[in-house]
Amino acid sequence: MDGSEDTLPASIARAREGDRDAYAEVVRAYQARLRAQVALTVADREAILSIVQDAFVDAWRGLATYDGERPFLPWLRAILRTCIAKHYREQRVQRRHLALVDAALLSQPCEDAPVEDAAERLAALRRCLAEVPAGSRELLSLRFEQDWQVKRIAEHLHKSANAVSMSLLRLKEELSACAQRRLQGRRS
């Protein structure tokens, strides 16, 4: 840490009083350690940088809650772990939405809908999903939200794998058609 280990407690104390320059010293002192910690679980360089930045922002906002009698790095690492968990939650949500879009829209794209209309297409899909009967919604949830394989779903529902595959295919076609109708209705 560039030999600045001795000055860190003073920098942290000044940062707790609102000194941004002192906090910048703290960031410089710990950012490599935090990046290394995140890199153990996250492969994407941009995501690593973003997570570490979020941790430092959250730490800055929460400096008033830091107990100056305790070591700073463990407190900072706890904030970092929270940011990593948030990153993974956001990734799961994004994958879930992408899986639904892939299954319902992209497998049978709207020929006349430009790629720029993706947000509109997703909104249409969400409205269609809200109208899906509970049993069908469970099937979609098992497959696309919980990422169950067709065979596992079939065993769970006491159906054949072919029956589950056909039900999923029909649901995807129905969702695609519903979303397409909604989009065409907005353009008319």
C-alpha atoms as a PDB file:
ATOM      1  CA  MET A   1       0.000   0.000   0.000  1.00  0.00           C
ATOM      2  CA  ASP A   2       2.742   2.431  -0.962  1.00  0.00           C
ATOM      3  CA  GLY A   3       4.031   2.729   2.616  1.00  0.00           C
ATOM      4  CA  SER A   4       1.003   4.825   3.571  1.00  0.00           C
ATOM      5  CA  GLU A   5      -0.282   2.253   6.085  1.00  0.00           C
ATOM      6  CA  ASP A   6       0.713   4.547   8.979  1.00  0.00           C
ATOM      7  CA  THR A   7      -1.378   7.459   7.696  1.00  0.00           C
ATOM      8  CA  LEU A   8      -4.545   5.476   6.998  1.00  0.00           C
ATOM      9  CA  PRO A   9      -6.168   5.806  10.447  1.00  0.00           C
ATOM     10  CA  ALA A  10      -5.781   9.593  10.221  1.00  0.00           C
ATOM     11  CA  SER A  11      -7.124   9.593   6.643  1.00  0.00           C
ATOM     12  CA  ILE A  12     -10.086   7.470   7.698  1.00  0.00           C
ATOM     13  CA  ALA A  13     -10.813   9.787  10.622  1.00  0.00           C
ATOM     14  CA  ARG A  14     -10.680  12.859   8.357  1.00  0.00           C
ATOM     15  CA  ALA A  15     -12.883  11.079   5.792  1.00  0.00           C
ATOM     16  CA  ARG A  16     -15.453  10.387   8.523  1.00  0.00           C
ATOM     17  CA  GLU A  17     -15.578  14.140   9.028  1.00  0.00           C
ATOM     18  CA  GLY A  18     -16.376  14.643   5.339  1.00  0.00           C
ATOM     19  CA  ASP A  19     -12.880  15.200   3.890  1.00  0.00           C
ATOM     20  CA  ARG A  20     -13.133  13.878   0.334  1.00  0.00           C
ATOM     21  CA  ASP A  21      -9.383  14.140  -0.284  1.00  0.00           C
ATOM     22  CA  ALA A  22      -8.728  11.961   2.750  1.00  0.00           C
ATOM     23  CA  TYR A  23     -11.261   9.452   1.461  1.00  0.00           C
ATOM     24  CA  ALA A  24      -9.473   9.438  -1.911  1.00  0.00           C
ATOM     25  CA  GLU A  25      -6.328   8.351  -0.018  1.00  0.00           C
ATOM     26  CA  VAL A  26      -8.297   5.522   1.576  1.00  0.00           C
ATOM     27  CA  VAL A  27      -9.628   4.457  -1.833  1.00  0.00           C
ATOM     28  CA  ARG A  28      -6.126   4.438  -3.333  1.00  0.00           C
ATOM     29  CA  ALA A  29      -4.847   2.413  -0.398  1.00  0.00           C
ATOM     30  CA  TYR A  30      -7.503  -0.315  -0.589  1.00  0.00           C
ATOM     31  CA  GLN A  31      -8.716  -0.469  -4.174  1.00  0.00           C
ATOM     32  CA  ALA A  32      -6.197  -3.105  -5.338  1.00  0.00           C
ATOM     33  CA  ARG A  33      -7.118  -5.398  -2.432  1.00  0.00           C
ATOM     34  CA  LEU A  34     -10.808  -5.045  -3.140  1.00  0.00           C
ATOM     35  CA  ARG A  35     -10.358  -5.656  -6.869  1.00  0.00           C
ATOM     36  CA  ALA A  36      -8.384  -8.803  -6.077  1.00  0.00           C
ATOM     37  CA  GLN A  37     -11.118 -10.009  -3.738  1.00  0.00           C
ATOM     38  CA  VAL A  38     -13.851  -9.447  -6.336  1.00  0.00           C
ATOM     39  CA  ALA A  39     -11.741 -11.082  -9.058  1.00  0.00           C
ATOM     40  CA  LEU A  40     -11.903 -14.330  -7.084  1.00  0.00           C
ATOM     41  CA  THR A  41     -15.599 -14.644  -7.929  1.00  0.00           C
ATOM     42  CA  VAL A  42     -16.265 -12.301 -10.859  1.00  0.00           C
ATOM     43  CA  ALA A  43     -14.507 -12.732 -14.193  1.00  0.00           C
ATOM     44  CA  ASP A  44     -15.627  -9.636 -16.096  1.00  0.00           C
ATOM     45  CA  ARG A  45     -13.150  -6.754 -15.625  1.00  0.00           C
ATOM     46  CA  GLU A  46     -15.800  -4.055 -16.069  1.00  0.00           C
ATOM     47  CA  ALA A  47     -18.032  -5.737 -13.487  1.00  0.00           C
ATOM     48  CA  ILE A  48     -15.110  -5.960 -11.052  1.00  0.00           C
ATOM     49  CA  LEU A  49     -14.405  -2.250 -11.392  1.00  0.00           C
ATOM     50  CA  SER A  50     -18.098  -1.404 -11.048  1.00  0.00           C
ATOM     51  CA  ILE A  51     -18.545  -3.551  -7.919  1.00  0.00           C
ATOM     52  CA  VAL A  52     -15.481  -2.031  -6.238  1.00  0.00           C
ATOM     53  CA  GLN A  53     -16.642   1.467  -7.130  1.00  0.00           C
ATOM     54  CA  ASP A  54     -20.095   0.712  -5.686  1.00  0.00           C
ATOM     55  CA  ALA A  55     -18.459  -0.574  -2.491  1.00  0.00           C
ATOM     56  CA  PHE A  56     -16.443   2.605  -2.071  1.00  0.00           C
ATOM     57  CA  VAL A  57     -19.508   4.772  -2.721  1.00  0.00           C
ATOM     58  CA  ASP A  58     -21.537   2.767  -0.192  1.00  0.00           C
ATOM     59  CA  ALA A  59     -18.669   2.984   2.308  1.00  0.00           C
ATOM     60  CA  TRP A  60     -18.460   6.759   1.846  1.00  0.00           C
ATOM     61  CA  ARG A  61     -22.185   7.059   2.482  1.00  0.00           C
ATOM     62  CA  GLY A  62     -21.958   4.800   5.510  1.00  0.00           C
ATOM     63  CA  LEU A  63     -18.801   6.207   7.112  1.00  0.00           C
ATOM     64  CA  ALA A  64     -20.873   7.606   9.970  1.00  0.00           C
ATOM     65  CA  THR A  65     -21.745   4.025  10.964  1.00  0.00           C
ATOM     66  CA  TYR A  66     -18.127   2.867  10.986  1.00  0.00           C
ATOM     67  CA  ASP A  67     -16.767   2.241  14.488  1.00  0.00           C
ATOM     68  CA  GLY A  68     -13.334   3.890  14.429  1.00  0.00           C
ATOM     69  CA  GLU A  69     -12.165   1.570  17.225  1.00  0.00           C
ATOM     70  CA  ARG A  70     -12.403  -1.432  14.916  1.00  0.00           C
ATOM     71  CA  PRO A  71     -10.251  -2.325  11.904  1.00  0.00           C
ATOM     72  CA  PHE A  72     -11.404  -0.564   8.748  1.00  0.00           C
ATOM     73  CA  LEU A  73     -10.643  -3.254   6.148  1.00  0.00           C
ATOM     74  CA  PRO A  74     -13.035  -5.913   7.530  1.00  0.00           C
ATOM     75  CA  TRP A  75     -15.807  -3.292   7.603  1.00  0.00           C
ATOM     76  CA  LEU A  76     -15.020  -2.321   4.019  1.00  0.00           C
ATOM     77  CA  ARG A  77     -14.913  -5.969   2.940  1.00  0.00           C
ATOM     78  CA  ALA A  78     -18.360  -6.574   4.449  1.00  0.00           C
ATOM     79  CA  ILE A  79     -19.686  -3.745   2.283  1.00  0.00           C
ATOM     80  CA  LEU A  80     -17.891  -5.254  -0.704  1.00  0.00           C
ATOM     81  CA  ARG A  81     -19.515  -8.661  -0.097  1.00  0.00           C
ATOM     82  CA  THR A  82     -22.909  -6.960  -0.100  1.00  0.00           C
ATOM     83  CA  CYS A  83     -22.079  -5.324  -3.443  1.00  0.00           C
ATOM     84  CA  ILE A  84     -20.959  -8.663  -4.900  1.00  0.00           C
ATOM     85  CA  ALA A  85     -24.220 -10.281  -3.754  1.00  0.00           C
ATOM     86  CA  LYS A  86     -26.185  -7.404  -5.307  1.00  0.00           C
ATOM     87  CA  HIS A  87     -24.268  -7.912  -8.574  1.00  0.00           C
ATOM     88  CA  TYR A  88     -25.220 -11.594  -8.653  1.00  0.00           C
ATOM     89  CA  ARG A  89     -28.870 -10.840  -7.848  1.00  0.00           C
ATOM     90  CA  GLU A  90     -28.996  -8.349 -10.708  1.00  0.00           C
ATOM     91  CA  GLN A  91     -27.366 -10.871 -13.015  1.00  0.00           C
ATOM     92  CA  ARG A  92     -29.968 -13.514 -12.090  1.00  0.00           C
ATOM     93  CA  VAL A  93     -32.815 -11.092 -12.766  1.00  0.00           C
ATOM     94  CA  GLN A  94     -31.259 -10.087 -16.073  1.00  0.00           C
ATOM     95  CA  ARG A  95     -30.741 -13.739 -17.090  1.00  0.00           C
ATOM     96  CA  ARG A  96     -34.347 -14.514 -16.131  1.00  0.00           C
ATOM     97  CA  HIS A  97     -35.656 -11.694 -18.308  1.00  0.00           C
ATOM     98  CA  LEU A  98     -33.370 -12.682 -21.159  1.00  0.00           C
ATOM     99  CA  ALA A  99     -34.491 -16.293 -20.909  1.00  0.00           C
ATOM    100  CA  LEU A 100     -38.125 -15.240 -21.113  1.00  0.00           C
ATOM    101  CA  VAL A 101     -37.436 -12.923 -24.017  1.00  0.00           C
ATOM    102  CA  ASP A 102     -35.452 -15.632 -25.789  1.00  0.00           C
ATOM    103  CA  ALA A 103     -38.154 -18.190 -25.224  1.00  0.00           C
ATOM    104  CA  ALA A 104     -41.172 -16.090 -25.972  1.00  0.00           C
ATOM    105  CA  LEU A 105     -40.065 -13.405 -28.372  1.00  0.00           C
ATOM    106  CA  LEU A 106     -36.712 -14.088 -29.912  1.00  0.00           C
ATOM    107  CA  SER A 107     -37.562 -17.656 -30.861  1.00  0.00           C
ATOM    108  CA  GLN A 108     -40.237 -16.157 -33.115  1.00  0.00           C
ATOM    109  CA  PRO A 109     -39.273 -12.508 -33.514  1.00  0.00           C
ATOM    110  CA  CYS A 110     -41.671  -9.875 -34.697  1.00  0.00           C
ATOM    111  CA  GLU A 111     -40.624  -9.436 -38.305  1.00  0.00           C
ATOM    112  CA  ASP A 112     -41.727  -5.813 -38.435  1.00  0.00           C
ATOM    113  CA  ALA A 113     -40.333  -4.779 -35.033  1.00  0.00           C
ATOM    114  CA  PRO A 114     -36.896  -3.164 -35.156  1.00  0.00           C
ATOM    115  CA  VAL A 115     -34.307  -4.112 -32.553  1.00  0.00           C
ATOM    116  CA  GLU A 116     -34.685  -0.653 -30.989  1.00  0.00           C
ATOM    117  CA  ASP A 117     -38.148  -1.696 -29.815  1.00  0.00           C
ATOM    118  CA  ALA A 118     -36.696  -4.263 -27.392  1.00  0.00           C
ATOM    119  CA  ALA A 119     -37.975  -2.432 -24.293  1.00  0.00           C
ATOM    120  CA  GLU A 120     -41.427  -2.153 -25.838  1.00  0.00           C
ATOM    121  CA  ARG A 121     -41.319  -5.850 -26.759  1.00  0.00           C
ATOM    122  CA  LEU A 122     -40.310  -6.780 -23.209  1.00  0.00           C
ATOM    123  CA  ALA A 123     -43.146  -4.672 -21.763  1.00  0.00           C
ATOM    124  CA  ALA A 124     -45.611  -6.391 -24.102  1.00  0.00           C
ATOM    125  CA  LEU A 125     -44.258  -9.767 -23.042  1.00  0.00           C
ATOM    126  CA  ARG A 126     -44.633  -8.899 -19.363  1.00  0.00           C
ATOM    127  CA  ARG A 127     -48.279  -7.949 -19.905  1.00  0.00           C
ATOM    128  CA  CYS A 128     -48.838 -11.252 -21.695  1.00  0.00           C
ATOM    129  CA  LEU A 129     -47.091 -13.191 -18.922  1.00  0.00           C
ATOM    130  CA  ALA A 130     -49.434 -11.617 -16.372  1.00  0.00           C
ATOM    131  CA  GLU A 131     -52.378 -13.199 -18.224  1.00  0.00           C
ATOM    132  CA  VAL A 132     -50.920 -16.724 -18.293  1.00  0.00           C
ATOM    133  CA  PRO A 133     -52.898 -19.177 -16.128  1.00  0.00           C
ATOM    134  CA  ALA A 134     -51.248 -20.239 -12.854  1.00  0.00           C
ATOM    135  CA  GLY A 135     -50.386 -23.781 -14.014  1.00  0.00           C
ATOM    136  CA  SER A 136     -48.710 -22.511 -17.151  1.00  0.00           C
ATOM    137  CA  ARG A 137     -46.930 -19.795 -15.178  1.00  0.00           C
ATOM    138  CA  GLU A 138     -45.517 -22.496 -12.875  1.00  0.00           C
ATOM    139  CA  LEU A 139     -44.237 -24.399 -15.901  1.00  0.00           C
ATOM    140  CA  LEU A 140     -42.548 -21.265 -17.268  1.00  0.00           C
ATOM    141  CA  SER A 141     -41.116 -20.456 -13.852  1.00  0.00           C
ATOM    142  CA  LEU A 142     -39.636 -23.924 -13.402  1.00  0.00           C
ATOM    143  CA  ARG A 143     -38.027 -23.839 -16.839  1.00  0.00           C
ATOM    144  CA  PHE A 144     -36.854 -20.264 -17.220  1.00  0.00           C
ATOM    145  CA  GLU A 145     -36.604 -18.764 -13.734  1.00  0.00           C
ATOM    146  CA  GLN A 146     -35.388 -21.808 -11.848  1.00  0.00           C
ATOM    147  CA  ASP A 147     -33.564 -23.231 -14.885  1.00  0.00           C
ATOM    148  CA  TRP A 148     -34.900 -26.758 -14.450  1.00  0.00           C
ATOM    149  CA  GLN A 149     -34.314 -29.176 -17.279  1.00  0.00           C
ATOM    150  CA  VAL A 150     -37.378 -30.593 -19.077  1.00  0.00           C
ATOM    151  CA  LYS A 151     -36.793 -34.067 -17.629  1.00  0.00           C
ATOM    152  CA  ARG A 152     -36.804 -32.730 -14.062  1.00  0.00           C
ATOM    153  CA  ILE A 153     -39.980 -30.716 -14.712  1.00  0.00           C
ATOM    154  CA  ALA A 154     -41.643 -33.808 -16.179  1.00  0.00           C
ATOM    155  CA  GLU A 155     -40.806 -35.842 -13.080  1.00  0.00           C
ATOM    156  CA  HIS A 156     -42.020 -33.029 -10.816  1.00  0.00           C
ATOM    157  CA  LEU A 157     -45.333 -32.679 -12.690  1.00  0.00           C
ATOM    158  CA  HIS A 158     -45.760 -36.430 -13.281  1.00  0.00           C
ATOM    159  CA  LYS A 159     -45.836 -35.960 -17.058  1.00  0.00           C
ATOM    160  CA  SER A 160     -43.720 -37.195 -19.907  1.00  0.00           C
ATOM    161  CA  ALA A 161     -40.782 -35.103 -21.088  1.00  0.00           C
ATOM    162  CA  ASN A 162     -42.443 -34.865 -24.526  1.00  0.00           C
ATOM    163  CA  ALA A 163     -45.639 -33.489 -22.980  1.00  0.00           C
ATOM    164  CA  VAL A 164     -43.654 -30.856 -21.065  1.00  0.00           C
ATOM    165  CA  SER A 165     -41.662 -29.921 -24.180  1.00  0.00           C
ATOM    166  CA  MET A 166     -44.853 -29.546 -26.212  1.00  0.00           C
ATOM    167  CA  SER A 167     -46.488 -27.464 -23.463  1.00  0.00           C
ATOM    168  CA  LEU A 168     -43.449 -25.193 -23.321  1.00  0.00           C
ATOM    169  CA  LEU A 169     -43.416 -24.836 -27.098  1.00  0.00           C
ATOM    170  CA  ARG A 170     -47.132 -23.947 -27.162  1.00  0.00           C
ATOM    171  CA  LEU A 171     -46.669 -21.436 -24.346  1.00  0.00           C
ATOM    172  CA  LYS A 172     -43.740 -19.797 -26.131  1.00  0.00           C
ATOM    173  CA  GLU A 173     -45.778 -19.558 -29.330  1.00  0.00           C
ATOM    174  CA  GLU A 174     -48.773 -18.132 -27.443  1.00  0.00           C
ATOM    175  CA  LEU A 175     -46.616 -15.581 -25.640  1.00  0.00           C
ATOM    176  CA  SER A 176     -44.914 -14.590 -28.863  1.00  0.00           C
ATOM    177  CA  ALA A 177     -48.255 -14.176 -30.645  1.00  0.00           C
ATOM    178  CA  CYS A 178     -49.713 -12.229 -27.703  1.00  0.00           C
ATOM    179  CA  ALA A 179     -46.740  -9.870 -27.579  1.00  0.00           C
ATOM    180  CA  GLN A 180     -46.849  -9.427 -31.337  1.00  0.00           C
ATOM    181  CA  ARG A 181     -50.578  -8.547 -31.203  1.00  0.00           C
ATOM    182  CA  ARG A 182     -49.957  -6.017 -28.443  1.00  0.00           C
ATOM    183  CA  LEU A 183     -47.119  -4.417 -30.392  1.00  0.00           C
ATOM    184  CA  GLN A 184     -49.159  -4.259 -33.592  1.00  0.00           C
ATOM    185  CA  GLY A 185     -52.065  -2.744 -31.647  1.00  0.00           C
ATOM    186  CA  ARG A 186     -49.795   0.060 -30.395  1.00  0.00           C
ATOM    187  CA  ARG A 187     -48.562   0.827 -33.898  1.00  0.00           C
ATOM    188  CA  SER A 188     -52.021   0.921 -35.515  1.00  0.00           C
END
